[in-house]
Structure formats: structure tokens, C-alpha cells
Amino acid sequence: MNANHAPKARTGHNAISPRIFTESTVVLKPHARRHPQQAISCRVHRTNLHYSPIHKYTGFRGLRPCRILTSMSITRTRDFLLSLPRVHETLQWDVFVYWIFDKSVGGKMFAMLEPEPGAKHVLSFAVPMDNFHNLLEIEGTHPAPYLARAHWIAIDSWSVFTQRELHTHLQAAYDRVEAKLPTRIQRHAELSDREYRKLVREKQATLKASR
């Protein structure tokens, strides 16, 4: 199929120009740190492929998309994490980090997702203290690097847990970290969406001005 006759790329603020790739991998884009929602592109073997930001993986269009199971696991997990109340996503240390409340207003992280296939771990997250050692007995789980003392685990692949089991563990991670937030931070949940967004903008502006 001639590239000139390929489907037109999606337009808009989050759109990414179409390209043709000839290998199968997922890569971080150069502008990822400023725009984490556009941080990933998927390369599909011998396929003319229009691609969109990671949260639009279902928008991939091409002749014969192949070997994107890892990408779909990333997408499903990311969609679940972002569906939780007041969760914010940042790109730090070359991984996606998920926070309960924006970190500018005192939020705390509860999960980290590795966007690159072939990494040692695909996901790490906080677990309840009483379940930490039980989960480490499951094949494919390990103490999370640098965060084991905080009772975080890391998993080697997306096959360690079923999707339902993984969502259950991520919900438990969210609940555990939320419960430990100071009362003044937990009160942010009582704000309306408009009030909360205004608070985040003001805090971010204050932090930026102080640098």
C-alpha cells in the first residue's frame, strides 16, 4: 500500500504526524519529558502505521499491526491507573510515575510503569505491609529497586498477574498510599474539580517562580 494512500493522521493538540516504521518496539520520544502523553510511539514490522499518543493506542491504523501485546498491556494498565480519583501522571527516571494528587500539592506516588519493552521490570507499585512477603513468593515478582523498604514490589512481565488481579493490587496500592497522606492533603478530595485544578495551577506557578 502506497504511503500516499494511507489513512489520514488524526489532527488536534495531541496528534502526532504519521511515519512509516520497519521494526517492532516501543520507544520514548525525545520530547517525552515535556509531554508524557506523547511519550511513546509503536513501531510495527513492515506496516505503514499512523500512530497517536499512548492513551490513544486503540487509534492505531495500518495494514497489519503486529506484536503490540506489550503496548496494549501498557495501555490497559495506564487507563486503569488514570481512572482512579485525583491521579496524576508524570515522566521521571524514564518511567511513568503515578501520584495520588499532583505532587505540587503534596501528592505521593503509588505506582511506576516502564514504557520500554525488554526492561528488567514492567511495573512496580506499593503493597500493603501484611501482603508484601506473600506477593514476593509469586514467580516473577521482586522487591522494587530503591523502594523495597517502603514495601513496593516489581513484576517482570505482564503475565505475572491476570488483568483483574493486577487491577486489584493497583487499587490496594492506591488505597494504602492515600490512607497515609496527611489530613490536610486528603482534604483536597473534598474540592470540586474546578477548585482542585485551580489549586494545582497556583501551586505549580508558585513552585516555578521560586526556581
C-alpha atoms as a PDB file:
ATOM      1  CA  MET A   1       0.000   0.000   0.000  1.00  0.00           C
ATOM      2  CA  ASN A   2       1.377   3.351  -1.013  1.00  0.00           C
ATOM      3  CA  ALA A   3       2.017   5.713   1.893  1.00  0.00           C
ATOM      4  CA  ASN A   4       0.180   8.427  -0.032  1.00  0.00           C
ATOM      5  CA  HIS A   5      -2.992   6.352   0.172  1.00  0.00           C
ATOM      6  CA  ALA A   6      -2.675   5.517   3.855  1.00  0.00           C
ATOM      7  CA  PRO A   7      -5.429   6.812   6.197  1.00  0.00           C
ATOM      8  CA  LYS A   8      -5.046  10.416   7.217  1.00  0.00           C
ATOM      9  CA  ALA A   9      -3.494  11.084  10.614  1.00  0.00           C
ATOM     10  CA  ARG A  10      -5.596  12.302  13.492  1.00  0.00           C
ATOM     11  CA  THR A  11      -5.394  16.069  13.921  1.00  0.00           C
ATOM     12  CA  GLY A  12      -5.559  18.191  17.018  1.00  0.00           C
ATOM     13  CA  HIS A  13      -3.463  19.220  20.006  1.00  0.00           C
ATOM     14  CA  ASN A  14      -2.382  15.670  20.891  1.00  0.00           C
ATOM     15  CA  ALA A  15      -1.881  14.461  17.343  1.00  0.00           C
ATOM     16  CA  ILE A  16       1.469  13.147  16.135  1.00  0.00           C
ATOM     17  CA  SER A  17       2.473  13.199  12.494  1.00  0.00           C
ATOM     18  CA  PRO A  18       2.321   9.803  10.689  1.00  0.00           C
ATOM     19  CA  ARG A  19       5.527   7.926   9.948  1.00  0.00           C
ATOM     20  CA  ILE A  20       6.483   4.564   8.484  1.00  0.00           C
ATOM     21  CA  PHE A  21       8.457   2.152  10.676  1.00  0.00           C
ATOM     22  CA  THR A  22      10.087  -1.170   9.857  1.00  0.00           C
ATOM     23  CA  GLU A  23      10.774  -2.766  13.224  1.00  0.00           C
ATOM     24  CA  SER A  24       8.793  -3.805  16.271  1.00  0.00           C
ATOM     25  CA  THR A  25       9.451  -1.953  19.505  1.00  0.00           C
ATOM     26  CA  VAL A  26       8.124   0.799  21.734  1.00  0.00           C
ATOM     27  CA  VAL A  27      10.342   3.825  22.149  1.00  0.00           C
ATOM     28  CA  LEU A  28      10.399   7.001  24.182  1.00  0.00           C
ATOM     29  CA  LYS A  29      10.158  10.100  22.020  1.00  0.00           C
ATOM     30  CA  PRO A  30      12.641  12.984  22.512  1.00  0.00           C
ATOM     31  CA  HIS A  31      10.012  15.408  23.813  1.00  0.00           C
ATOM     32  CA  ALA A  32       8.697  12.908  26.358  1.00  0.00           C
ATOM     33  CA  ARG A  33       9.709  14.880  29.436  1.00  0.00           C
ATOM     34  CA  ARG A  34       7.609  17.868  28.446  1.00  0.00           C
ATOM     35  CA  HIS A  35       4.682  15.914  27.033  1.00  0.00           C
ATOM     36  CA  PRO A  36       4.411  12.495  28.724  1.00  0.00           C
ATOM     37  CA  GLN A  37       1.087  11.821  26.998  1.00  0.00           C
ATOM     38  CA  GLN A  38       3.003  11.798  23.697  1.00  0.00           C
ATOM     39  CA  ALA A  39       5.997   9.906  25.038  1.00  0.00           C
ATOM     40  CA  ILE A  40       5.590   6.621  23.265  1.00  0.00           C
ATOM     41  CA  SER A  41       5.433   5.536  19.676  1.00  0.00           C
ATOM     42  CA  CYS A  42       4.899   1.974  18.495  1.00  0.00           C
ATOM     43  CA  ARG A  43       6.936   0.567  15.634  1.00  0.00           C
ATOM     44  CA  VAL A  44       5.258  -2.221  13.721  1.00  0.00           C
ATOM     45  CA  HIS A  45       7.160  -4.593  11.414  1.00  0.00           C
ATOM     46  CA  ARG A  46       6.580  -3.866   7.718  1.00  0.00           C
ATOM     47  CA  THR A  47       3.487  -1.826   8.330  1.00  0.00           C
ATOM     48  CA  ASN A  48       2.508   1.661   7.239  1.00  0.00           C
ATOM     49  CA  LEU A  49       1.186   2.907  10.545  1.00  0.00           C
ATOM     50  CA  HIS A  50      -0.383   6.108  11.754  1.00  0.00           C
ATOM     51  CA  TYR A  51       0.143   6.468  15.469  1.00  0.00           C
ATOM     52  CA  SER A  52      -1.195   8.636  18.250  1.00  0.00           C
ATOM     53  CA  PRO A  53      -0.261   9.328  21.907  1.00  0.00           C
ATOM     54  CA  ILE A  54      -0.142   6.292  24.159  1.00  0.00           C
ATOM     55  CA  HIS A  55      -3.603   6.915  25.594  1.00  0.00           C
ATOM     56  CA  LYS A  56      -4.963   6.545  22.052  1.00  0.00           C
ATOM     57  CA  TYR A  57      -3.424   3.172  21.222  1.00  0.00           C
ATOM     58  CA  THR A  58      -6.816   1.999  20.051  1.00  0.00           C
ATOM     59  CA  GLY A  59      -6.427   4.647  17.348  1.00  0.00           C
ATOM     60  CA  PHE A  60      -3.573   2.808  15.639  1.00  0.00           C
ATOM     61  CA  ARG A  61      -4.395   2.323  11.988  1.00  0.00           C
ATOM     62  CA  GLY A  62      -2.335   0.409   9.448  1.00  0.00           C
ATOM     63  CA  LEU A  63      -2.170  -2.538   7.125  1.00  0.00           C
ATOM     64  CA  ARG A  64      -1.201  -5.277   9.528  1.00  0.00           C
ATOM     65  CA  PRO A  65      -0.387  -4.197  13.110  1.00  0.00           C
ATOM     66  CA  CYS A  66       1.562  -6.944  14.838  1.00  0.00           C
ATOM     67  CA  ARG A  67       3.283  -7.683  18.118  1.00  0.00           C
ATOM     68  CA  ILE A  68       1.721  -4.861  20.110  1.00  0.00           C
ATOM     69  CA  LEU A  69       0.558  -7.000  23.031  1.00  0.00           C
ATOM     70  CA  THR A  70       3.047  -5.302  25.327  1.00  0.00           C
ATOM     71  CA  SER A  71       1.778  -1.933  24.178  1.00  0.00           C
ATOM     72  CA  MET A  72      -1.815  -2.956  24.840  1.00  0.00           C
ATOM     73  CA  SER A  73      -0.902  -4.163  28.344  1.00  0.00           C
ATOM     74  CA  ILE A  74       0.692  -0.787  28.991  1.00  0.00           C
ATOM     75  CA  THR A  75      -2.394   0.973  27.688  1.00  0.00           C
ATOM     76  CA  ARG A  76      -4.896  -1.037  29.732  1.00  0.00           C
ATOM     77  CA  THR A  77      -2.863  -0.597  32.901  1.00  0.00           C
ATOM     78  CA  ARG A  78      -2.345   3.089  32.270  1.00  0.00           C
ATOM     79  CA  ASP A  79      -6.045   3.628  31.583  1.00  0.00           C
ATOM     80  CA  PHE A  80      -6.930   1.938  34.871  1.00  0.00           C
ATOM     81  CA  LEU A  81      -4.431   3.999  36.857  1.00  0.00           C
ATOM     82  CA  LEU A  82      -5.686   7.245  35.353  1.00  0.00           C
ATOM     83  CA  SER A  83      -9.293   6.261  36.092  1.00  0.00           C
ATOM     84  CA  LEU A  84      -8.598   6.414  39.838  1.00  0.00           C
ATOM     85  CA  PRO A  85      -9.608   9.653  41.613  1.00  0.00           C
ATOM     86  CA  ARG A  86      -7.144  12.563  41.509  1.00  0.00           C
ATOM     87  CA  VAL A  87      -4.364  10.522  39.916  1.00  0.00           C
ATOM     88  CA  HIS A  88      -1.641  12.414  38.069  1.00  0.00           C
ATOM     89  CA  GLU A  89       0.941  11.002  35.688  1.00  0.00           C
ATOM     90  CA  THR A  90       4.489  12.287  35.267  1.00  0.00           C
ATOM     91  CA  LEU A  91       7.519  11.032  33.386  1.00  0.00           C
ATOM     92  CA  GLN A  92      10.526  10.719  35.677  1.00  0.00           C
ATOM     93  CA  TRP A  93      13.574   8.464  35.634  1.00  0.00           C
ATOM     94  CA  ASP A  94      12.412   7.367  32.140  1.00  0.00           C
ATOM     95  CA  VAL A  95       9.288   5.708  33.581  1.00  0.00           C
ATOM     96  CA  PHE A  96       5.699   6.811  34.051  1.00  0.00           C
ATOM     97  CA  VAL A  97       5.045   7.692  37.697  1.00  0.00           C
ATOM     98  CA  TYR A  98       1.526   7.789  39.147  1.00  0.00           C
ATOM     99  CA  TRP A  99       0.646  10.120  42.016  1.00  0.00           C
ATOM    100  CA  ILE A 100      -2.366  10.466  44.283  1.00  0.00           C
ATOM    101  CA  PHE A 101      -2.890  14.218  43.941  1.00  0.00           C
ATOM    102  CA  ASP A 102      -0.426  16.296  41.999  1.00  0.00           C
ATOM    103  CA  LYS A 103       2.988  16.344  43.639  1.00  0.00           C
ATOM    104  CA  SER A 104       2.872  20.155  43.715  1.00  0.00           C
ATOM    105  CA  VAL A 105       0.095  19.958  46.306  1.00  0.00           C
ATOM    106  CA  GLY A 106       1.743  17.237  48.372  1.00  0.00           C
ATOM    107  CA  GLY A 107       0.720  14.153  46.407  1.00  0.00           C
ATOM    108  CA  LYS A 108       2.528  10.825  46.807  1.00  0.00           C
ATOM    109  CA  MET A 109       3.415   8.231  44.185  1.00  0.00           C
ATOM    110  CA  PHE A 110       1.957   4.729  44.336  1.00  0.00           C
ATOM    111  CA  ALA A 111       2.962   3.071  41.046  1.00  0.00           C
ATOM    112  CA  MET A 112       5.554   3.265  38.274  1.00  0.00           C
ATOM    113  CA  LEU A 113       5.163   1.868  34.769  1.00  0.00           C
ATOM    114  CA  GLU A 114       8.064   1.032  32.444  1.00  0.00           C
ATOM    115  CA  PRO A 115       7.205   2.038  28.850  1.00  0.00           C
ATOM    116  CA  GLU A 116      10.133   0.279  27.146  1.00  0.00           C
ATOM    117  CA  PRO A 117       9.852  -3.445  26.316  1.00  0.00           C
ATOM    118  CA  GLY A 118      12.835  -5.501  27.375  1.00  0.00           C
ATOM    119  CA  ALA A 119      13.281  -3.654  30.655  1.00  0.00           C
ATOM    120  CA  LYS A 120      14.060  -5.679  33.766  1.00  0.00           C
ATOM    121  CA  HIS A 121      10.652  -4.838  35.269  1.00  0.00           C
ATOM    122  CA  VAL A 122       7.433  -3.721  33.590  1.00  0.00           C
ATOM    123  CA  LEU A 123       5.653  -2.293  36.627  1.00  0.00           C
ATOM    124  CA  SER A 124       6.240  -1.549  40.294  1.00  0.00           C
ATOM    125  CA  PHE A 125       3.782  -0.466  42.967  1.00  0.00           C
ATOM    126  CA  ALA A 126       3.207  -0.124  46.691  1.00  0.00           C
ATOM    127  CA  VAL A 127       1.606  -3.030  48.536  1.00  0.00           C
ATOM    128  CA  PRO A 128       0.065  -3.361  51.999  1.00  0.00           C
ATOM    129  CA  MET A 129       2.713  -4.322  54.539  1.00  0.00           C
ATOM    130  CA  ASP A 130       0.893  -7.514  55.527  1.00  0.00           C
ATOM    131  CA  ASN A 131       0.827  -8.706  51.903  1.00  0.00           C
ATOM    132  CA  PHE A 132       4.373  -7.775  50.909  1.00  0.00           C
ATOM    133  CA  HIS A 133       6.082 -11.106  51.625  1.00  0.00           C
ATOM    134  CA  ASN A 134       3.156 -13.119  50.263  1.00  0.00           C
ATOM    135  CA  LEU A 135       3.394 -11.399  46.892  1.00  0.00           C
ATOM    136  CA  LEU A 136       7.154 -11.905  46.760  1.00  0.00           C
ATOM    137  CA  GLU A 137       6.569 -15.660  46.805  1.00  0.00           C
ATOM    138  CA  ILE A 138       4.911 -15.422  43.380  1.00  0.00           C
ATOM    139  CA  GLU A 139       7.224 -16.190  40.462  1.00  0.00           C
ATOM    140  CA  GLY A 140       8.065 -13.051  38.516  1.00  0.00           C
ATOM    141  CA  THR A 141       7.821 -10.642  41.466  1.00  0.00           C
ATOM    142  CA  HIS A 142      10.742  -8.965  43.241  1.00  0.00           C
ATOM    143  CA  PRO A 143      11.343  -6.185  45.754  1.00  0.00           C
ATOM    144  CA  ALA A 144      11.207  -2.940  43.786  1.00  0.00           C
ATOM    145  CA  PRO A 145      14.627  -1.311  43.303  1.00  0.00           C
ATOM    146  CA  TYR A 146      15.211   1.544  45.773  1.00  0.00           C
ATOM    147  CA  LEU A 147      11.668   1.164  47.161  1.00  0.00           C
ATOM    148  CA  ALA A 148      11.700  -2.264  48.791  1.00  0.00           C
ATOM    149  CA  ARG A 149      11.994  -0.727  52.253  1.00  0.00           C
ATOM    150  CA  ALA A 150       8.790   1.170  51.530  1.00  0.00           C
ATOM    151  CA  HIS A 151       7.123  -2.180  50.684  1.00  0.00           C
ATOM    152  CA  TRP A 152       6.997  -1.856  46.916  1.00  0.00           C
ATOM    153  CA  ILE A 153       7.218  -4.813  44.562  1.00  0.00           C
ATOM    154  CA  ALA A 154       8.151  -5.025  40.873  1.00  0.00           C
ATOM    155  CA  ILE A 155       6.905  -7.536  38.315  1.00  0.00           C
ATOM    156  CA  ASP A 156       8.981  -8.957  35.467  1.00  0.00           C
ATOM    157  CA  SER A 157       6.244  -9.321  32.866  1.00  0.00           C
ATOM    158  CA  TRP A 158       2.560  -8.714  32.217  1.00  0.00           C
ATOM    159  CA  SER A 159       1.867 -12.444  32.582  1.00  0.00           C
ATOM    160  CA  VAL A 160       2.625 -12.497  36.335  1.00  0.00           C
ATOM    161  CA  PHE A 161      -0.940 -11.439  37.179  1.00  0.00           C
ATOM    162  CA  THR A 162      -4.195 -11.529  35.290  1.00  0.00           C
ATOM    163  CA  GLN A 163      -5.615  -8.134  34.371  1.00  0.00           C
ATOM    164  CA  ARG A 164      -8.185  -8.399  37.167  1.00  0.00           C
ATOM    165  CA  GLU A 165      -5.564  -9.388  39.737  1.00  0.00           C
ATOM    166  CA  LEU A 166      -3.312  -6.546  38.653  1.00  0.00           C
ATOM    167  CA  HIS A 167      -6.107  -4.008  38.969  1.00  0.00           C
ATOM    168  CA  THR A 168      -6.851  -5.329  42.450  1.00  0.00           C
ATOM    169  CA  HIS A 169      -3.217  -4.889  43.505  1.00  0.00           C
ATOM    170  CA  LEU A 170      -3.046  -1.397  41.991  1.00  0.00           C
ATOM    171  CA  GLN A 171      -6.238  -0.401  43.796  1.00  0.00           C
ATOM    172  CA  ALA A 172      -4.699  -1.684  47.032  1.00  0.00           C
ATOM    173  CA  ALA A 173      -1.568   0.373  46.304  1.00  0.00           C
ATOM    174  CA  TYR A 174      -3.713   3.464  45.795  1.00  0.00           C
ATOM    175  CA  ASP A 175      -5.686   2.843  48.998  1.00  0.00           C
ATOM    176  CA  ARG A 176      -2.559   2.238  51.072  1.00  0.00           C
ATOM    177  CA  VAL A 177      -0.793   5.417  49.962  1.00  0.00           C
ATOM    178  CA  GLU A 178      -3.958   7.527  50.181  1.00  0.00           C
ATOM    179  CA  ALA A 179      -4.572   6.386  53.763  1.00  0.00           C
ATOM    180  CA  LYS A 180      -1.104   7.582  54.780  1.00  0.00           C
ATOM    181  CA  LEU A 181      -1.462  11.064  53.321  1.00  0.00           C
ATOM    182  CA  PRO A 182      -1.627  13.902  55.865  1.00  0.00           C
ATOM    183  CA  THR A 183      -5.149  15.054  56.645  1.00  0.00           C
ATOM    184  CA  ARG A 184      -4.543  18.448  55.020  1.00  0.00           C
ATOM    185  CA  ILE A 185      -3.682  16.676  51.742  1.00  0.00           C
ATOM    186  CA  GLN A 186      -6.621  14.268  51.954  1.00  0.00           C
ATOM    187  CA  ARG A 187      -8.928  17.266  52.190  1.00  0.00           C
ATOM    188  CA  HIS A 188      -8.101  18.064  48.563  1.00  0.00           C
ATOM    189  CA  ALA A 189     -10.533  15.258  47.687  1.00  0.00           C
ATOM    190  CA  GLU A 190     -13.356  17.428  49.027  1.00  0.00           C
ATOM    191  CA  LEU A 191     -12.668  20.133  46.432  1.00  0.00           C
ATOM    192  CA  SER A 192     -14.647  20.303  43.232  1.00  0.00           C
ATOM    193  CA  ASP A 193     -12.757  19.516  40.039  1.00  0.00           C
ATOM    194  CA  ARG A 194     -12.602  23.211  39.193  1.00  0.00           C
ATOM    195  CA  GLU A 195     -11.306  24.172  42.637  1.00  0.00           C
ATOM    196  CA  TYR A 196      -8.746  21.380  42.581  1.00  0.00           C
ATOM    197  CA  ARG A 197      -7.406  22.327  39.134  1.00  0.00           C
ATOM    198  CA  LYS A 198      -7.125  25.952  40.276  1.00  0.00           C
ATOM    199  CA  LEU A 199      -5.182  24.857  43.367  1.00  0.00           C
ATOM    200  CA  VAL A 200      -2.782  22.781  41.269  1.00  0.00           C
ATOM    201  CA  ARG A 201      -2.200  25.649  38.829  1.00  0.00           C
ATOM    202  CA  GLU A 202      -1.467  28.053  41.675  1.00  0.00           C
ATOM    203  CA  LYS A 203       0.933  25.654  43.403  1.00  0.00           C
ATOM    204  CA  GLN A 204       2.731  24.869  40.157  1.00  0.00           C
ATOM    205  CA  ALA A 205       3.073  28.575  39.377  1.00  0.00           C
ATOM    206  CA  THR A 206       4.471  29.220  42.869  1.00  0.00           C
ATOM    207  CA  LEU A 207       6.999  26.406  42.514  1.00  0.00           C
ATOM    208  CA  LYS A 208       8.045  27.604  39.074  1.00  0.00           C
ATOM    209  CA  ALA A 209       8.518  31.171  40.308  1.00  0.00           C
ATOM    210  CA  SER A 210      10.678  30.012  43.218  1.00  0.00           C
ATOM    211  CA  ARG A 211      13.176  28.192  40.994  1.00  0.00           C
END
